Structure formats: structure tokens, C-alpha cells
Amino acid sequence: MTIALIIMSTLLGLINVASGLGKLQRVDQVTEIMDSVVLSKQQTSQLGVLQVLGALGLLIGIWVPFLGQAAAIAFVLYFAGAIIAHARAKTPGATYVPPAGLFVLSVVTAVLQLAR
């Protein structure tokens, strides 16, 4: 188990807990973004639950490799979907930065998880 794996998994996990809770608590800024990509309140809540559960999977996955690998791969797909959702909705360019950055972080985490 490498220090990089622990750092990346923890960072990605904490970011997704915060983001997921923002969706579940319907924080104004998050609600605006979800509205811009044409997601309902129910879909937004479901994504928030997925993010929190995925974050737990990443954090537990530090000690349970299969769970960490599955969670990291799921986040790669999640953030690829977020980028596609922004592209389909033709949102302004700056709105791509967070999902693109988290996509890259997810890819790095998945590579580290799979390489253990």
C-alpha cells in the first residue's frame, strides 16, 4: 500500500463526500449546476447518494483492495458522465473544470488502486 494511494483515495473520497452532501442538502450553487445540466431533484439526490457511497468505498478500499478498485473505476465513469452531461447541455466552459479535474483525479486513483 503506497502513500500516494492513501492520499489520492482519501482526497477523492473527501471531495465526493462534500459534493454528495451538497447535492443531498440542495446547496444553492450545486442546485444551479444540476439545473444547468437538466437534472431533476430526485436525480440530483441519487447522484449525491452515489457519491457518498462511492467515497465510503474508496476509504474502506484502502484496506479492502477490491472495493477500492471498484469505487475508483465507478468515479472515473461518474465524472466522464458529468463531462458528457455538461457537453450535452452546452454549459459555459468554466463549468467543465471541476468534473474534468475530478475525472483526472479519479483516473490516477484508479490506476493506483489497480496497480497494487
N, C-alpha and C. Protein backbone atom coordinates (compact mmCIF):
# COMPACT_ATOMS: atom_id res chain seq x y z
N MET A 1 0.85 -1.17 0.00
CA MET A 1 0.00 0.00 0.00
C MET A 1 0.90 1.24 0.00
N THR A 2 0.71 2.08 -0.97
CA THR A 2 1.59 3.24 -1.08
C THR A 2 0.96 4.47 -0.44
N ILE A 3 1.81 5.39 -0.10
CA ILE A 3 1.33 6.66 0.46
C ILE A 3 0.50 7.40 -0.58
N ALA A 4 0.92 7.34 -1.84
CA ALA A 4 0.18 8.02 -2.90
C ALA A 4 -1.25 7.49 -3.01
N LEU A 5 -1.40 6.18 -2.90
CA LEU A 5 -2.73 5.57 -2.96
C LEU A 5 -3.60 6.07 -1.81
N ILE A 6 -3.05 6.11 -0.63
CA ILE A 6 -3.81 6.57 0.53
C ILE A 6 -4.20 8.04 0.37
N ILE A 7 -3.27 8.86 -0.08
CA ILE A 7 -3.54 10.29 -0.25
C ILE A 7 -4.60 10.52 -1.32
N MET A 8 -4.44 9.87 -2.46
CA MET A 8 -5.38 10.09 -3.58
C MET A 8 -6.77 9.56 -3.23
N SER A 9 -6.84 8.38 -2.64
CA SER A 9 -8.14 7.81 -2.27
C SER A 9 -8.84 8.68 -1.23
N THR A 10 -8.09 9.14 -0.25
CA THR A 10 -8.66 9.99 0.80
C THR A 10 -9.12 11.33 0.22
N LEU A 11 -8.29 11.94 -0.62
CA LEU A 11 -8.65 13.22 -1.23
C LEU A 11 -9.91 13.08 -2.09
N LEU A 12 -9.92 12.09 -2.98
CA LEU A 12 -11.09 11.88 -3.84
C LEU A 12 -12.32 11.54 -3.00
N GLY A 13 -12.12 10.76 -1.95
CA GLY A 13 -13.24 10.41 -1.08
C GLY A 13 -13.82 11.63 -0.37
N LEU A 14 -12.96 12.45 0.21
CA LEU A 14 -13.44 13.64 0.93
C LEU A 14 -14.13 14.64 0.01
N ILE A 15 -13.57 14.82 -1.18
CA ILE A 15 -14.20 15.73 -2.14
C ILE A 15 -15.60 15.24 -2.50
N ASN A 16 -15.72 13.93 -2.69
CA ASN A 16 -17.02 13.38 -3.08
C ASN A 16 -18.03 13.36 -1.94
N VAL A 17 -17.56 13.22 -0.71
CA VAL A 17 -18.47 13.34 0.43
C VAL A 17 -19.03 14.76 0.45
N ALA A 18 -18.16 15.74 0.32
CA ALA A 18 -18.61 17.14 0.34
C ALA A 18 -19.57 17.43 -0.81
N SER A 19 -19.23 16.96 -2.00
CA SER A 19 -20.08 17.18 -3.16
C SER A 19 -21.41 16.46 -3.02
N GLY A 20 -21.35 15.23 -2.57
CA GLY A 20 -22.58 14.44 -2.39
C GLY A 20 -23.50 15.06 -1.35
N LEU A 21 -22.93 15.51 -0.24
CA LEU A 21 -23.75 16.15 0.79
C LEU A 21 -24.33 17.46 0.28
N GLY A 22 -23.57 18.18 -0.56
CA GLY A 22 -24.09 19.41 -1.17
C GLY A 22 -25.31 19.13 -2.03
N LYS A 23 -25.27 18.00 -2.75
CA LYS A 23 -26.42 17.61 -3.58
C LYS A 23 -27.60 17.21 -2.69
N LEU A 24 -27.34 16.46 -1.64
CA LEU A 24 -28.41 16.00 -0.76
C LEU A 24 -29.03 17.14 0.04
N GLN A 25 -28.22 18.14 0.39
CA GLN A 25 -28.72 19.28 1.16
C GLN A 25 -29.23 20.40 0.26
N ARG A 26 -29.15 20.18 -1.03
CA ARG A 26 -29.62 21.15 -2.03
C ARG A 26 -29.01 22.53 -1.83
N VAL A 27 -27.69 22.56 -1.74
CA VAL A 27 -26.95 23.82 -1.64
C VAL A 27 -27.21 24.61 -2.93
N ASP A 28 -27.44 25.92 -2.81
CA ASP A 28 -27.82 26.75 -3.96
C ASP A 28 -26.88 26.60 -5.15
N GLN A 29 -25.59 26.70 -4.92
CA GLN A 29 -24.62 26.63 -6.01
C GLN A 29 -24.70 25.27 -6.72
N VAL A 30 -24.85 24.21 -5.96
CA VAL A 30 -24.95 22.87 -6.53
C VAL A 30 -26.26 22.73 -7.30
N THR A 31 -27.34 23.25 -6.74
CA THR A 31 -28.64 23.17 -7.40
C THR A 31 -28.61 23.89 -8.76
N GLU A 32 -27.95 25.04 -8.81
CA GLU A 32 -27.83 25.77 -10.07
C GLU A 32 -27.11 24.94 -11.13
N ILE A 33 -26.03 24.29 -10.72
CA ILE A 33 -25.26 23.48 -11.66
C ILE A 33 -26.09 22.30 -12.14
N MET A 34 -26.78 21.64 -11.22
CA MET A 34 -27.61 20.49 -11.60
C MET A 34 -28.76 20.92 -12.51
N ASP A 35 -29.32 22.09 -12.25
CA ASP A 35 -30.37 22.62 -13.13
C ASP A 35 -29.81 22.91 -14.52
N SER A 36 -28.57 23.38 -14.58
CA SER A 36 -27.98 23.72 -15.88
C SER A 36 -27.75 22.49 -16.76
N VAL A 37 -27.59 21.34 -16.14
CA VAL A 37 -27.43 20.11 -16.92
C VAL A 37 -28.73 19.31 -16.97
N VAL A 38 -29.81 19.96 -16.59
CA VAL A 38 -31.18 19.46 -16.68
C VAL A 38 -31.38 18.15 -15.92
N LEU A 39 -31.05 18.19 -14.63
CA LEU A 39 -31.30 17.04 -13.76
C LEU A 39 -32.39 17.40 -12.76
N SER A 40 -33.27 16.45 -12.51
CA SER A 40 -34.34 16.68 -11.54
C SER A 40 -33.78 16.63 -10.12
N LYS A 41 -34.60 17.04 -9.17
CA LYS A 41 -34.19 16.98 -7.76
C LYS A 41 -33.94 15.54 -7.34
N GLN A 42 -34.77 14.63 -7.83
CA GLN A 42 -34.59 13.22 -7.49
C GLN A 42 -33.28 12.68 -8.06
N GLN A 43 -32.97 13.02 -9.30
CA GLN A 43 -31.72 12.58 -9.91
C GLN A 43 -30.52 13.17 -9.16
N THR A 44 -30.64 14.42 -8.78
CA THR A 44 -29.56 15.08 -8.04
C THR A 44 -29.34 14.37 -6.70
N SER A 45 -30.41 14.04 -6.02
CA SER A 45 -30.29 13.32 -4.74
C SER A 45 -29.66 11.94 -4.95
N GLN A 46 -30.05 11.26 -6.00
CA GLN A 46 -29.49 9.94 -6.28
C GLN A 46 -27.99 10.04 -6.55
N LEU A 47 -27.59 11.06 -7.29
CA LEU A 47 -26.15 11.25 -7.54
C LEU A 47 -25.41 11.55 -6.24
N GLY A 48 -26.04 12.33 -5.35
CA GLY A 48 -25.43 12.62 -4.06
C GLY A 48 -25.22 11.36 -3.24
N VAL A 49 -26.20 10.48 -3.23
CA VAL A 49 -26.08 9.21 -2.51
C VAL A 49 -24.97 8.38 -3.12
N LEU A 50 -24.92 8.32 -4.44
CA LEU A 50 -23.85 7.55 -5.11
C LEU A 50 -22.47 8.10 -4.75
N GLN A 51 -22.35 9.41 -4.70
CA GLN A 51 -21.05 10.00 -4.34
C GLN A 51 -20.64 9.65 -2.92
N VAL A 52 -21.56 9.73 -1.99
CA VAL A 52 -21.23 9.42 -0.60
C VAL A 52 -20.87 7.94 -0.46
N LEU A 53 -21.65 7.07 -1.08
CA LEU A 53 -21.36 5.64 -1.01
C LEU A 53 -20.03 5.31 -1.70
N GLY A 54 -19.78 5.95 -2.83
CA GLY A 54 -18.51 5.74 -3.52
C GLY A 54 -17.33 6.20 -2.69
N ALA A 55 -17.51 7.31 -2.00
CA ALA A 55 -16.45 7.82 -1.13
C ALA A 55 -16.16 6.83 0.00
N LEU A 56 -17.22 6.27 0.57
CA LEU A 56 -17.03 5.26 1.61
C LEU A 56 -16.30 4.05 1.04
N GLY A 57 -16.66 3.67 -0.19
CA GLY A 57 -15.98 2.56 -0.85
C GLY A 57 -14.50 2.83 -1.04
N LEU A 58 -14.17 4.06 -1.42
CA LEU A 58 -12.75 4.42 -1.58
C LEU A 58 -12.01 4.36 -0.26
N LEU A 59 -12.61 4.90 0.78
CA LEU A 59 -11.93 4.95 2.07
C LEU A 59 -11.78 3.56 2.68
N ILE A 60 -12.82 2.75 2.60
CA ILE A 60 -12.72 1.36 3.07
C ILE A 60 -11.78 0.58 2.15
N GLY A 61 -11.78 0.97 0.88
CA GLY A 61 -10.95 0.30 -0.11
C GLY A 61 -9.46 0.46 0.10
N ILE A 62 -9.07 1.35 0.99
CA ILE A 62 -7.65 1.45 1.33
C ILE A 62 -7.19 0.12 1.94
N TRP A 63 -8.10 -0.53 2.67
CA TRP A 63 -7.77 -1.81 3.31
C TRP A 63 -8.39 -3.01 2.58
N VAL A 64 -9.43 -2.77 1.77
CA VAL A 64 -10.10 -3.84 1.02
C VAL A 64 -9.92 -3.53 -0.46
N PRO A 65 -8.86 -4.05 -1.07
CA PRO A 65 -8.50 -3.65 -2.43
C PRO A 65 -9.62 -3.73 -3.47
N PHE A 66 -10.38 -4.80 -3.48
CA PHE A 66 -11.42 -4.92 -4.50
C PHE A 66 -12.43 -3.77 -4.41
N LEU A 67 -12.81 -3.40 -3.20
CA LEU A 67 -13.78 -2.32 -3.01
C LEU A 67 -13.20 -0.98 -3.47
N GLY A 68 -11.95 -0.73 -3.14
CA GLY A 68 -11.30 0.49 -3.57
C GLY A 68 -11.18 0.58 -5.08
N GLN A 69 -10.84 -0.54 -5.71
CA GLN A 69 -10.73 -0.57 -7.17
C GLN A 69 -12.08 -0.31 -7.82
N ALA A 70 -13.12 -0.97 -7.32
CA ALA A 70 -14.46 -0.78 -7.89
C ALA A 70 -14.93 0.66 -7.72
N ALA A 71 -14.69 1.24 -6.55
CA ALA A 71 -15.12 2.62 -6.29
C ALA A 71 -14.36 3.60 -7.19
N ALA A 72 -13.06 3.39 -7.34
CA ALA A 72 -12.27 4.30 -8.18
C ALA A 72 -12.72 4.24 -9.64
N ILE A 73 -12.97 3.03 -10.13
CA ILE A 73 -13.45 2.88 -11.51
C ILE A 73 -14.83 3.51 -11.66
N ALA A 74 -15.67 3.35 -10.64
CA ALA A 74 -17.01 3.96 -10.69
C ALA A 74 -16.91 5.48 -10.76
N PHE A 75 -15.95 6.07 -10.04
CA PHE A 75 -15.79 7.52 -10.10
C PHE A 75 -15.25 7.98 -11.46
N VAL A 76 -14.41 7.18 -12.10
CA VAL A 76 -13.98 7.52 -13.46
C VAL A 76 -15.21 7.61 -14.36
N LEU A 77 -16.09 6.63 -14.27
CA LEU A 77 -17.30 6.64 -15.09
C LEU A 77 -18.25 7.77 -14.69
N TYR A 78 -18.36 8.02 -13.39
CA TYR A 78 -19.24 9.09 -12.89
C TYR A 78 -18.82 10.44 -13.46
N PHE A 79 -17.52 10.74 -13.38
CA PHE A 79 -17.08 12.05 -13.84
C PHE A 79 -17.00 12.14 -15.36
N ALA A 80 -16.81 11.02 -16.04
CA ALA A 80 -16.93 11.03 -17.51
C ALA A 80 -18.37 11.38 -17.88
N GLY A 81 -19.31 10.81 -17.15
CA GLY A 81 -20.73 11.13 -17.37
C GLY A 81 -21.04 12.58 -17.08
N ALA A 82 -20.40 13.14 -16.04
CA ALA A 82 -20.62 14.55 -15.71
C ALA A 82 -20.12 15.45 -16.85
N ILE A 83 -18.97 15.11 -17.40
CA ILE A 83 -18.43 15.90 -18.52
C ILE A 83 -19.37 15.81 -19.71
N ILE A 84 -19.87 14.62 -20.00
CA ILE A 84 -20.81 14.43 -21.11
C ILE A 84 -22.10 15.21 -20.86
N ALA A 85 -22.59 15.20 -19.62
CA ALA A 85 -23.81 15.95 -19.30
C ALA A 85 -23.63 17.44 -19.54
N HIS A 86 -22.47 17.97 -19.16
CA HIS A 86 -22.19 19.39 -19.41
C HIS A 86 -22.09 19.67 -20.90
N ALA A 87 -21.49 18.76 -21.65
CA ALA A 87 -21.36 18.95 -23.10
C ALA A 87 -22.73 18.93 -23.77
N ARG A 88 -23.57 18.00 -23.36
CA ARG A 88 -24.91 17.90 -23.96
C ARG A 88 -25.76 19.13 -23.64
N ALA A 89 -25.58 19.67 -22.43
CA ALA A 89 -26.35 20.86 -22.04
C ALA A 89 -25.72 22.15 -22.55
N LYS A 90 -24.54 22.03 -23.15
CA LYS A 90 -23.82 23.20 -23.68
C LYS A 90 -23.63 24.28 -22.62
N THR A 91 -23.17 23.84 -21.45
CA THR A 91 -22.92 24.79 -20.36
C THR A 91 -21.63 25.57 -20.67
N PRO A 92 -21.43 26.73 -20.02
CA PRO A 92 -20.22 27.52 -20.26
C PRO A 92 -18.95 26.72 -19.94
N GLY A 93 -17.86 27.07 -20.59
CA GLY A 93 -16.60 26.35 -20.46
C GLY A 93 -16.09 26.18 -19.05
N ALA A 94 -16.28 27.16 -18.20
CA ALA A 94 -15.77 27.07 -16.83
C ALA A 94 -16.45 25.97 -16.02
N THR A 95 -17.65 25.59 -16.41
CA THR A 95 -18.36 24.53 -15.67
C THR A 95 -17.76 23.15 -15.91
N TYR A 96 -16.90 23.03 -16.90
CA TYR A 96 -16.24 21.74 -17.18
C TYR A 96 -15.05 21.49 -16.26
N VAL A 97 -14.52 22.54 -15.67
CA VAL A 97 -13.28 22.41 -14.90
C VAL A 97 -13.41 21.45 -13.71
N PRO A 98 -14.42 21.61 -12.83
CA PRO A 98 -14.50 20.68 -11.70
C PRO A 98 -14.66 19.21 -12.11
N PRO A 99 -15.61 18.87 -13.01
CA PRO A 99 -15.71 17.45 -13.36
C PRO A 99 -14.48 16.94 -14.11
N ALA A 100 -13.85 17.78 -14.90
CA ALA A 100 -12.64 17.36 -15.62
C ALA A 100 -11.49 17.10 -14.65
N GLY A 101 -11.32 17.99 -13.69
CA GLY A 101 -10.28 17.80 -12.68
C GLY A 101 -10.52 16.55 -11.85
N LEU A 102 -11.77 16.34 -11.47
CA LEU A 102 -12.10 15.15 -10.68
C LEU A 102 -12.02 13.88 -11.52
N PHE A 103 -12.25 14.00 -12.81
CA PHE A 103 -12.06 12.85 -13.71
C PHE A 103 -10.59 12.44 -13.70
N VAL A 104 -9.71 13.41 -13.83
CA VAL A 104 -8.27 13.12 -13.82
C VAL A 104 -7.86 12.52 -12.48
N LEU A 105 -8.33 13.10 -11.38
CA LEU A 105 -8.03 12.56 -10.05
C LEU A 105 -8.56 11.13 -9.91
N SER A 106 -9.73 10.86 -10.47
CA SER A 106 -10.30 9.52 -10.44
C SER A 106 -9.47 8.53 -11.24
N VAL A 107 -9.01 8.95 -12.40
CA VAL A 107 -8.17 8.08 -13.23
C VAL A 107 -6.88 7.73 -12.50
N VAL A 108 -6.23 8.74 -11.92
CA VAL A 108 -4.99 8.50 -11.17
C VAL A 108 -5.26 7.54 -10.01
N THR A 109 -6.35 7.77 -9.28
CA THR A 109 -6.70 6.90 -8.15
C THR A 109 -6.97 5.48 -8.63
N ALA A 110 -7.69 5.34 -9.73
CA ALA A 110 -7.99 4.01 -10.27
C ALA A 110 -6.70 3.29 -10.68
N VAL A 111 -5.80 4.00 -11.31
CA VAL A 111 -4.52 3.40 -11.72
C VAL A 111 -3.76 2.92 -10.49
N LEU A 112 -3.70 3.76 -9.47
CA LEU A 112 -3.00 3.36 -8.24
C LEU A 112 -3.69 2.17 -7.57
N GLN A 113 -5.00 2.17 -7.57
CA GLN A 113 -5.74 1.05 -6.98
C GLN A 113 -5.49 -0.25 -7.75
N LEU A 114 -5.51 -0.16 -9.05
CA LEU A 114 -5.33 -1.37 -9.87
C LEU A 114 -3.89 -1.87 -9.87
N ALA A 115 -2.95 -0.99 -9.59
CA ALA A 115 -1.52 -1.36 -9.61
C ALA A 115 -1.04 -2.00 -8.31
N ARG A 116 -1.88 -2.05 -7.30
CA ARG A 116 -1.40 -2.59 -6.03
C ARG A 116 -1.22 -4.08 -6.05
